[in-house]
Amino acid sequence: MKDNSLKEYSLWLVPDNKKLEFMAGFLNNVNKQTNTISFKPHVTLINDVKFKPEKIIKIMKQIARETAPFKITFINPVKSYEFYKSIFLRCRKSKGLMGTNNLAQKLFNKKYAYNPHMSVVYGSISDSLKDKAIRLFNSSTIKSLSFTVNSICLCRAFGAVDQWEIVNNIPLKSP
């Protein structure tokens, strides 16, 4: 069996607690339907950061100083064969989201095509199960999952998904 554990730091965008609770409830329902693991809803801003945590936090503070809160809007559910993107919601490529990612890539010395999304299901599941889960999403559900980003979180993604943890949270500049 393939080991799908990670050992990296990532920057996540997560909603406030009230919205997070709502999103987690919906996604947990999808995870029950697909018999897959639940995890904290998030949009990854940048992953596979190999710097020491102190340096990452310093860079996060710089990003936060230069970034005003912005909205993340989801477009549609998509299925794939990637373990961490078995089912995901594609994000609208807004100026705020793409600009924040561009800044993060610059400051972390990365360069890649950013395809923002929120994973809904992690795991290797059948296409028929993916199709069944995708039918749970309608346009009003997708719209209700949108949220405003007010901070950047540092996730320590070491080991299995249930061991991942947010270790720091930096608020964005006031609008």
C-alpha atoms as a PDB file:
ATOM      1  CA  MET A   1       0.000   0.000   0.000  1.00  0.00           C
ATOM      2  CA  LYS A   2       1.260   3.457  -0.914  1.00  0.00           C
ATOM      3  CA  ASP A   3       2.324   5.729   1.942  1.00  0.00           C
ATOM      4  CA  ASN A   4       0.431   9.008   1.475  1.00  0.00           C
ATOM      5  CA  SER A   5       1.897  10.751   4.510  1.00  0.00           C
ATOM      6  CA  LEU A   6       3.643  14.096   4.081  1.00  0.00           C
ATOM      7  CA  LYS A   7       6.460  15.966   5.780  1.00  0.00           C
ATOM      8  CA  GLU A   8       6.109  19.615   4.833  1.00  0.00           C
ATOM      9  CA  TYR A   9       4.806  22.986   5.871  1.00  0.00           C
ATOM     10  CA  SER A  10       2.003  24.637   3.920  1.00  0.00           C
ATOM     11  CA  LEU A  11       0.248  27.982   4.071  1.00  0.00           C
ATOM     12  CA  TRP A  12      -3.517  27.588   4.287  1.00  0.00           C
ATOM     13  CA  LEU A  13      -6.428  29.940   3.860  1.00  0.00           C
ATOM     14  CA  VAL A  14      -9.281  29.058   6.215  1.00  0.00           C
ATOM     15  CA  PRO A  15     -12.540  30.792   7.100  1.00  0.00           C
ATOM     16  CA  ASP A  16     -13.481  32.170  10.506  1.00  0.00           C
ATOM     17  CA  ASN A  17     -14.700  29.651  13.102  1.00  0.00           C
ATOM     18  CA  LYS A  18     -18.444  29.974  12.396  1.00  0.00           C
ATOM     19  CA  LYS A  19     -18.006  29.417   8.643  1.00  0.00           C
ATOM     20  CA  LEU A  20     -15.390  26.729   9.291  1.00  0.00           C
ATOM     21  CA  GLU A  21     -17.880  24.793  11.421  1.00  0.00           C
ATOM     22  CA  PHE A  22     -20.513  25.015   8.658  1.00  0.00           C
ATOM     23  CA  MET A  23     -18.049  23.898   5.977  1.00  0.00           C
ATOM     24  CA  ALA A  24     -16.673  21.069   8.096  1.00  0.00           C
ATOM     25  CA  GLY A  25     -20.200  19.768   8.694  1.00  0.00           C
ATOM     26  CA  PHE A  26     -20.949  19.642   4.982  1.00  0.00           C
ATOM     27  CA  LEU A  27     -17.585  18.124   4.057  1.00  0.00           C
ATOM     28  CA  ASN A  28     -17.843  15.549   6.869  1.00  0.00           C
ATOM     29  CA  ASN A  29     -21.125  14.426   5.310  1.00  0.00           C
ATOM     30  CA  VAL A  30     -19.373  13.976   1.956  1.00  0.00           C
ATOM     31  CA  ASN A  31     -16.555  12.072   3.690  1.00  0.00           C
ATOM     32  CA  LYS A  32     -19.098   9.743   5.336  1.00  0.00           C
ATOM     33  CA  GLN A  33     -20.756   9.123   1.951  1.00  0.00           C
ATOM     34  CA  THR A  34     -17.383   8.197   0.439  1.00  0.00           C
ATOM     35  CA  ASN A  35     -15.954   6.447   3.527  1.00  0.00           C
ATOM     36  CA  THR A  36     -12.914   8.731   3.507  1.00  0.00           C
ATOM     37  CA  ILE A  37     -11.049  10.674   6.186  1.00  0.00           C
ATOM     38  CA  SER A  38     -12.298  14.078   7.358  1.00  0.00           C
ATOM     39  CA  PHE A  39      -9.921  17.031   7.496  1.00  0.00           C
ATOM     40  CA  LYS A  40     -10.009  20.767   8.136  1.00  0.00           C
ATOM     41  CA  PRO A  41     -11.491  22.676   5.177  1.00  0.00           C
ATOM     42  CA  HIS A  42      -8.874  24.924   3.601  1.00  0.00           C
ATOM     43  CA  VAL A  43      -7.483  26.354   0.397  1.00  0.00           C
ATOM     44  CA  THR A  44      -3.743  25.819   0.149  1.00  0.00           C
ATOM     45  CA  LEU A  45      -1.966  29.064  -0.674  1.00  0.00           C
ATOM     46  CA  ILE A  46       1.431  27.401  -1.099  1.00  0.00           C
ATOM     47  CA  ASN A  47       2.722  23.956  -0.155  1.00  0.00           C
ATOM     48  CA  ASP A  48       5.945  22.033   0.215  1.00  0.00           C
ATOM     49  CA  VAL A  49       7.684  24.840   2.104  1.00  0.00           C
ATOM     50  CA  LYS A  50      11.051  23.523   3.303  1.00  0.00           C
ATOM     51  CA  PHE A  51      12.147  26.546   5.380  1.00  0.00           C
ATOM     52  CA  LYS A  52      12.475  26.523   9.167  1.00  0.00           C
ATOM     53  CA  PRO A  53       9.250  27.570  10.945  1.00  0.00           C
ATOM     54  CA  GLU A  54      10.780  30.827  12.220  1.00  0.00           C
ATOM     55  CA  LYS A  55      11.646  31.928   8.676  1.00  0.00           C
ATOM     56  CA  ILE A  56       8.237  30.830   7.362  1.00  0.00           C
ATOM     57  CA  ILE A  57       6.488  32.920  10.031  1.00  0.00           C
ATOM     58  CA  LYS A  58       8.644  35.948   9.182  1.00  0.00           C
ATOM     59  CA  ILE A  59       7.642  35.619   5.508  1.00  0.00           C
ATOM     60  CA  MET A  60       3.986  35.045   6.471  1.00  0.00           C
ATOM     61  CA  LYS A  61       4.034  38.338   8.381  1.00  0.00           C
ATOM     62  CA  GLN A  62       5.366  40.116   5.309  1.00  0.00           C
ATOM     63  CA  ILE A  63       2.625  38.581   3.128  1.00  0.00           C
ATOM     64  CA  ALA A  64      -0.013  39.553   5.704  1.00  0.00           C
ATOM     65  CA  ARG A  65       1.241  43.167   5.870  1.00  0.00           C
ATOM     66  CA  GLU A  66       0.861  43.461   2.097  1.00  0.00           C
ATOM     67  CA  THR A  67      -2.486  41.658   1.746  1.00  0.00           C
ATOM     68  CA  ALA A  68      -5.987  42.928   2.494  1.00  0.00           C
ATOM     69  CA  PRO A  69      -8.796  40.442   3.237  1.00  0.00           C
ATOM     70  CA  PHE A  70     -10.314  38.918   0.095  1.00  0.00           C
ATOM     71  CA  LYS A  71     -13.094  36.528  -0.804  1.00  0.00           C
ATOM     72  CA  ILE A  72     -12.716  32.957  -2.008  1.00  0.00           C
ATOM     73  CA  THR A  73     -15.527  31.842  -4.287  1.00  0.00           C
ATOM     74  CA  PHE A  74     -15.916  28.275  -5.472  1.00  0.00           C
ATOM     75  CA  ILE A  75     -16.912  27.432  -9.029  1.00  0.00           C
ATOM     76  CA  ASN A  76     -17.561  23.717  -9.423  1.00  0.00           C
ATOM     77  CA  PRO A  77     -16.688  20.267  -8.065  1.00  0.00           C
ATOM     78  CA  VAL A  78     -14.095  18.229  -9.963  1.00  0.00           C
ATOM     79  CA  LYS A  79     -12.827  14.668  -9.613  1.00  0.00           C
ATOM     80  CA  SER A  80      -9.254  13.548 -10.198  1.00  0.00           C
ATOM     81  CA  TYR A  81      -6.962  10.595  -9.586  1.00  0.00           C
ATOM     82  CA  GLU A  82      -4.648  12.475  -7.223  1.00  0.00           C
ATOM     83  CA  PHE A  83      -4.869  11.218  -3.633  1.00  0.00           C
ATOM     84  CA  TYR A  84      -5.123  14.712  -2.099  1.00  0.00           C
ATOM     85  CA  LYS A  85      -7.500  15.959  -4.808  1.00  0.00           C
ATOM     86  CA  SER A  86      -9.800  13.004  -5.322  1.00  0.00           C
ATOM     87  CA  ILE A  87     -12.728  15.457  -5.273  1.00  0.00           C
ATOM     88  CA  PHE A  88     -12.157  19.190  -5.035  1.00  0.00           C
ATOM     89  CA  LEU A  89     -13.881  22.510  -5.549  1.00  0.00           C
ATOM     90  CA  ARG A  90     -12.197  24.790  -8.055  1.00  0.00           C
ATOM     91  CA  CYS A  91     -11.737  28.402  -6.848  1.00  0.00           C
ATOM     92  CA  ARG A  92     -12.397  31.507  -8.886  1.00  0.00           C
ATOM     93  CA  LYS A  93      -9.003  33.042  -9.707  1.00  0.00           C
ATOM     94  CA  SER A  94      -9.655  36.410  -8.096  1.00  0.00           C
ATOM     95  CA  LYS A  95      -7.146  39.250  -8.020  1.00  0.00           C
ATOM     96  CA  GLY A  96      -6.790  38.879  -4.228  1.00  0.00           C
ATOM     97  CA  LEU A  97      -6.182  35.125  -4.293  1.00  0.00           C
ATOM     98  CA  MET A  98      -3.838  35.090  -7.260  1.00  0.00           C
ATOM     99  CA  GLY A  99      -1.934  38.174  -6.067  1.00  0.00           C
ATOM    100  CA  THR A 100      -1.408  36.610  -2.637  1.00  0.00           C
ATOM    101  CA  ASN A 101      -0.145  33.392  -4.199  1.00  0.00           C
ATOM    102  CA  ASN A 102       2.189  35.321  -6.539  1.00  0.00           C
ATOM    103  CA  LEU A 103       3.661  37.157  -3.550  1.00  0.00           C
ATOM    104  CA  ALA A 104       4.048  33.903  -1.590  1.00  0.00           C
ATOM    105  CA  GLN A 105       5.759  32.178  -4.522  1.00  0.00           C
ATOM    106  CA  LYS A 106       8.139  35.121  -4.888  1.00  0.00           C
ATOM    107  CA  LEU A 107       9.033  35.218  -1.183  1.00  0.00           C
ATOM    108  CA  PHE A 108       9.428  31.416  -0.927  1.00  0.00           C
ATOM    109  CA  ASN A 109      11.435  31.204  -4.182  1.00  0.00           C
ATOM    110  CA  LYS A 110       8.884  29.024  -5.968  1.00  0.00           C
ATOM    111  CA  LYS A 111       7.490  29.192  -9.470  1.00  0.00           C
ATOM    112  CA  TYR A 112       4.600  27.045 -10.623  1.00  0.00           C
ATOM    113  CA  ALA A 113       1.130  27.304 -12.122  1.00  0.00           C
ATOM    114  CA  TYR A 114      -1.273  27.858  -9.216  1.00  0.00           C
ATOM    115  CA  ASN A 115      -4.642  26.152  -9.572  1.00  0.00           C
ATOM    116  CA  PRO A 116      -6.510  27.183  -6.423  1.00  0.00           C
ATOM    117  CA  HIS A 117      -8.946  24.677  -5.003  1.00  0.00           C
ATOM    118  CA  MET A 118     -10.384  23.253  -1.812  1.00  0.00           C
ATOM    119  CA  SER A 119     -10.075  19.497  -1.538  1.00  0.00           C
ATOM    120  CA  VAL A 120     -13.251  17.782  -0.411  1.00  0.00           C
ATOM    121  CA  VAL A 121     -12.146  14.135  -0.483  1.00  0.00           C
ATOM    122  CA  TYR A 122      -8.697  12.659   0.049  1.00  0.00           C
ATOM    123  CA  GLY A 123      -8.251   9.061  -1.027  1.00  0.00           C
ATOM    124  CA  SER A 124      -8.377   6.558  -3.829  1.00  0.00           C
ATOM    125  CA  ILE A 125     -12.049   5.882  -4.475  1.00  0.00           C
ATOM    126  CA  SER A 126     -14.009   4.625  -7.475  1.00  0.00           C
ATOM    127  CA  ASP A 127     -15.312   6.956 -10.163  1.00  0.00           C
ATOM    128  CA  SER A 128     -18.880   5.890  -9.360  1.00  0.00           C
ATOM    129  CA  LEU A 129     -18.425   6.912  -5.709  1.00  0.00           C
ATOM    130  CA  LYS A 130     -16.899  10.216  -6.817  1.00  0.00           C
ATOM    131  CA  ASP A 131     -19.863  10.829  -9.120  1.00  0.00           C
ATOM    132  CA  LYS A 132     -22.295  10.043  -6.292  1.00  0.00           C
ATOM    133  CA  ALA A 133     -20.494  12.491  -3.974  1.00  0.00           C
ATOM    134  CA  ILE A 134     -20.361  15.230  -6.615  1.00  0.00           C
ATOM    135  CA  ARG A 135     -24.149  15.033  -6.924  1.00  0.00           C
ATOM    136  CA  LEU A 136     -24.308  16.363  -3.319  1.00  0.00           C
ATOM    137  CA  PHE A 137     -23.103  19.725  -4.658  1.00  0.00           C
ATOM    138  CA  ASN A 138     -25.584  22.113  -6.216  1.00  0.00           C
ATOM    139  CA  SER A 139     -25.028  25.757  -7.091  1.00  0.00           C
ATOM    140  CA  SER A 140     -26.454  27.082  -3.804  1.00  0.00           C
ATOM    141  CA  THR A 141     -24.306  24.671  -1.768  1.00  0.00           C
ATOM    142  CA  ILE A 142     -21.194  25.704  -3.664  1.00  0.00           C
ATOM    143  CA  LYS A 143     -22.046  29.392  -3.179  1.00  0.00           C
ATOM    144  CA  SER A 144     -22.656  28.852   0.568  1.00  0.00           C
ATOM    145  CA  LEU A 145     -19.135  27.476   1.021  1.00  0.00           C
ATOM    146  CA  SER A 146     -17.455  30.699  -0.188  1.00  0.00           C
ATOM    147  CA  PHE A 147     -15.644  32.678   2.500  1.00  0.00           C
ATOM    148  CA  THR A 148     -13.580  35.764   3.260  1.00  0.00           C
ATOM    149  CA  VAL A 149      -9.892  35.245   4.005  1.00  0.00           C
ATOM    150  CA  ASN A 150      -8.809  37.287   7.038  1.00  0.00           C
ATOM    151  CA  SER A 151      -5.590  35.460   7.910  1.00  0.00           C
ATOM    152  CA  ILE A 152      -2.930  33.047   6.713  1.00  0.00           C
ATOM    153  CA  CYS A 153      -2.341  29.807   8.622  1.00  0.00           C
ATOM    154  CA  LEU A 154       0.817  27.774   8.867  1.00  0.00           C
ATOM    155  CA  CYS A 155       0.044  24.060   8.682  1.00  0.00           C
ATOM    156  CA  ARG A 156       2.517  21.460   9.845  1.00  0.00           C
ATOM    157  CA  ALA A 157       1.658  18.569   7.531  1.00  0.00           C
ATOM    158  CA  PHE A 158       3.869  15.872   8.983  1.00  0.00           C
ATOM    159  CA  GLY A 159       2.580  12.304   8.806  1.00  0.00           C
ATOM    160  CA  ALA A 160      -0.963  11.169   8.155  1.00  0.00           C
ATOM    161  CA  VAL A 161      -3.796  13.669   7.611  1.00  0.00           C
ATOM    162  CA  ASP A 162      -5.141  13.279  11.147  1.00  0.00           C
ATOM    163  CA  GLN A 163      -1.730  14.415  12.478  1.00  0.00           C
ATOM    164  CA  TRP A 164      -1.647  17.688  10.532  1.00  0.00           C
ATOM    165  CA  GLU A 165      -1.998  20.799  12.638  1.00  0.00           C
ATOM    166  CA  ILE A 166      -2.217  24.553  12.299  1.00  0.00           C
ATOM    167  CA  VAL A 167       0.729  25.936  14.268  1.00  0.00           C
ATOM    168  CA  ASN A 168       0.380  29.654  13.542  1.00  0.00           C
ATOM    169  CA  ASN A 169      -2.196  32.111  12.260  1.00  0.00           C
ATOM    170  CA  ILE A 170      -1.309  35.612  11.051  1.00  0.00           C
ATOM    171  CA  PRO A 171      -4.112  38.171  10.430  1.00  0.00           C
ATOM    172  CA  LEU A 172      -4.107  40.073   7.129  1.00  0.00           C
ATOM    173  CA  LYS A 173      -3.784  43.867   7.173  1.00  0.00           C
ATOM    174  CA  SER A 174      -6.909  45.833   8.038  1.00  0.00           C
ATOM    175  CA  PRO A 175      -8.829  46.997   4.958  1.00  0.00           C
END
